[in-house]
Amino acid sequence: WAGSSPNDWTEELHNDFTGPARQRHSEISEALNRIQTAGAAFADMSGSGSTVFGWFKNEPPDSLFEGCPEEWMTWKGPYSL
């Protein structure tokens, strides 16, 4: 995957747990929907679902974090590939 970008990953990378976890836990589905709607180039769940994440070309909009349930922990910051 050297030289690839998050835009390339959507069709090639997937977590086998994401589909079933989204069906069983609406919070995971809601979080991923928020991230994708906000314009993430790639979004998925880590491992068995302790974290959902999104890769954005530019900083995500503040609206991504508005109205999140209180128990959600959120973080945004730069990451270089």
C-alpha atoms as a PDB file:
ATOM      1  CA  TRP A   1       0.000   0.000   0.000  1.00  0.00           C
ATOM      2  CA  ALA A   2       3.004   2.251  -0.159  1.00  0.00           C
ATOM      3  CA  GLY A   3       2.187   5.333  -2.176  1.00  0.00           C
ATOM      4  CA  SER A   4      -1.577   4.900  -1.848  1.00  0.00           C
ATOM      5  CA  SER A   5      -3.938   7.356  -0.199  1.00  0.00           C
ATOM      6  CA  PRO A   6      -7.172   7.068   1.785  1.00  0.00           C
ATOM      7  CA  ASN A   7      -9.090   7.716  -1.434  1.00  0.00           C
ATOM      8  CA  ASP A   8      -7.737   4.394  -2.717  1.00  0.00           C
ATOM      9  CA  TRP A   9      -8.678   2.407   0.354  1.00  0.00           C
ATOM     10  CA  THR A  10     -12.495   2.436   0.203  1.00  0.00           C
ATOM     11  CA  GLU A  11     -12.744  -0.257  -2.448  1.00  0.00           C
ATOM     12  CA  GLU A  12      -9.786  -2.306  -1.230  1.00  0.00           C
ATOM     13  CA  LEU A  13      -9.748  -2.256   2.572  1.00  0.00           C
ATOM     14  CA  HIS A  14     -12.508  -3.313   4.891  1.00  0.00           C
ATOM     15  CA  ASN A  15     -12.997  -4.593   8.391  1.00  0.00           C
ATOM     16  CA  ASP A  16     -15.084  -7.792   8.456  1.00  0.00           C
ATOM     17  CA  PHE A  17     -16.526  -6.753  11.822  1.00  0.00           C
ATOM     18  CA  THR A  18     -17.906  -3.405  10.629  1.00  0.00           C
ATOM     19  CA  GLY A  19     -21.112  -4.674   8.995  1.00  0.00           C
ATOM     20  CA  PRO A  20     -22.265  -6.874  11.883  1.00  0.00           C
ATOM     21  CA  ALA A  21     -21.222  -4.265  14.467  1.00  0.00           C
ATOM     22  CA  ARG A  22     -23.222  -1.568  12.650  1.00  0.00           C
ATOM     23  CA  GLN A  23     -26.272  -3.828  12.718  1.00  0.00           C
ATOM     24  CA  ARG A  24     -25.971  -4.591  16.437  1.00  0.00           C
ATOM     25  CA  HIS A  25     -24.814  -1.186  17.685  1.00  0.00           C
ATOM     26  CA  SER A  26     -26.546   1.858  16.266  1.00  0.00           C
ATOM     27  CA  GLU A  27     -23.860   4.110  17.789  1.00  0.00           C
ATOM     28  CA  ILE A  28     -21.232   2.653  15.476  1.00  0.00           C
ATOM     29  CA  SER A  29     -23.457   3.145  12.475  1.00  0.00           C
ATOM     30  CA  GLU A  30     -24.273   6.708  13.543  1.00  0.00           C
ATOM     31  CA  ALA A  31     -20.612   7.589  14.058  1.00  0.00           C
ATOM     32  CA  LEU A  32     -19.553   6.166  10.685  1.00  0.00           C
ATOM     33  CA  ASN A  33     -22.460   7.906   8.937  1.00  0.00           C
ATOM     34  CA  ARG A  34     -21.444  11.221  10.516  1.00  0.00           C
ATOM     35  CA  ILE A  35     -17.837  10.798   9.414  1.00  0.00           C
ATOM     36  CA  GLN A  36     -18.773   9.794   5.867  1.00  0.00           C
ATOM     37  CA  THR A  37     -21.327  12.591   5.522  1.00  0.00           C
ATOM     38  CA  ALA A  38     -18.710  15.091   6.700  1.00  0.00           C
ATOM     39  CA  GLY A  39     -16.580  14.157   3.688  1.00  0.00           C
ATOM     40  CA  ALA A  40     -14.060  11.599   4.898  1.00  0.00           C
ATOM     41  CA  ALA A  41     -11.973  10.050   2.147  1.00  0.00           C
ATOM     42  CA  PHE A  42     -12.022   6.815   4.158  1.00  0.00           C
ATOM     43  CA  ALA A  43     -13.894   5.766   7.285  1.00  0.00           C
ATOM     44  CA  ASP A  44     -14.058   2.477   9.139  1.00  0.00           C
ATOM     45  CA  MET A  45     -14.019   0.838  12.509  1.00  0.00           C
ATOM     46  CA  SER A  46     -10.817  -0.243  14.223  1.00  0.00           C
ATOM     47  CA  GLY A  47     -10.529  -3.868  15.246  1.00  0.00           C
ATOM     48  CA  SER A  48     -13.715  -5.074  16.879  1.00  0.00           C
ATOM     49  CA  GLY A  49     -15.139  -1.606  17.269  1.00  0.00           C
ATOM     50  CA  SER A  50     -13.500   0.247  20.103  1.00  0.00           C
ATOM     51  CA  THR A  51     -12.941   3.166  17.729  1.00  0.00           C
ATOM     52  CA  VAL A  52     -14.321   4.530  14.489  1.00  0.00           C
ATOM     53  CA  PHE A  53     -12.183   6.875  12.449  1.00  0.00           C
ATOM     54  CA  GLY A  54     -12.099   8.894   9.272  1.00  0.00           C
ATOM     55  CA  TRP A  55      -9.361  10.264   7.056  1.00  0.00           C
ATOM     56  CA  PHE A  56     -10.025  13.739   5.681  1.00  0.00           C
ATOM     57  CA  LYS A  57      -8.051  15.546   3.019  1.00  0.00           C
ATOM     58  CA  ASN A  58      -8.760  18.807   4.840  1.00  0.00           C
ATOM     59  CA  GLU A  59      -9.790  19.471   8.416  1.00  0.00           C
ATOM     60  CA  PRO A  60     -13.278  18.075   9.035  1.00  0.00           C
ATOM     61  CA  PRO A  61     -16.083  20.557   9.628  1.00  0.00           C
ATOM     62  CA  ASP A  62     -16.940  21.478  13.218  1.00  0.00           C
ATOM     63  CA  SER A  63     -20.464  20.215  12.527  1.00  0.00           C
ATOM     64  CA  LEU A  64     -19.064  16.674  12.659  1.00  0.00           C
ATOM     65  CA  PHE A  65     -18.793  16.998  16.433  1.00  0.00           C
ATOM     66  CA  GLU A  66     -21.981  18.969  17.087  1.00  0.00           C
ATOM     67  CA  GLY A  67     -24.663  16.997  18.849  1.00  0.00           C
ATOM     68  CA  CYS A  68     -22.499  13.951  19.538  1.00  0.00           C
ATOM     69  CA  PRO A  69     -23.690  11.923  22.523  1.00  0.00           C
ATOM     70  CA  GLU A  70     -21.955  12.977  25.746  1.00  0.00           C
ATOM     71  CA  GLU A  71     -20.355   9.571  26.248  1.00  0.00           C
ATOM     72  CA  TRP A  72     -18.537   9.755  22.914  1.00  0.00           C
ATOM     73  CA  MET A  73     -14.896  10.751  23.045  1.00  0.00           C
ATOM     74  CA  THR A  74     -13.834  12.728  19.989  1.00  0.00           C
ATOM     75  CA  TRP A  75     -10.476  13.810  18.686  1.00  0.00           C
ATOM     76  CA  LYS A  76      -9.204  15.457  15.549  1.00  0.00           C
ATOM     77  CA  GLY A  77      -5.694  16.179  14.549  1.00  0.00           C
ATOM     78  CA  PRO A  78      -3.239  15.988  11.678  1.00  0.00           C
ATOM     79  CA  TYR A  79      -1.667  12.782  10.529  1.00  0.00           C
ATOM     80  CA  SER A  80       0.798  12.508   7.683  1.00  0.00           C
ATOM     81  CA  LEU A  81       0.969   9.528   5.391  1.00  0.00           C
END
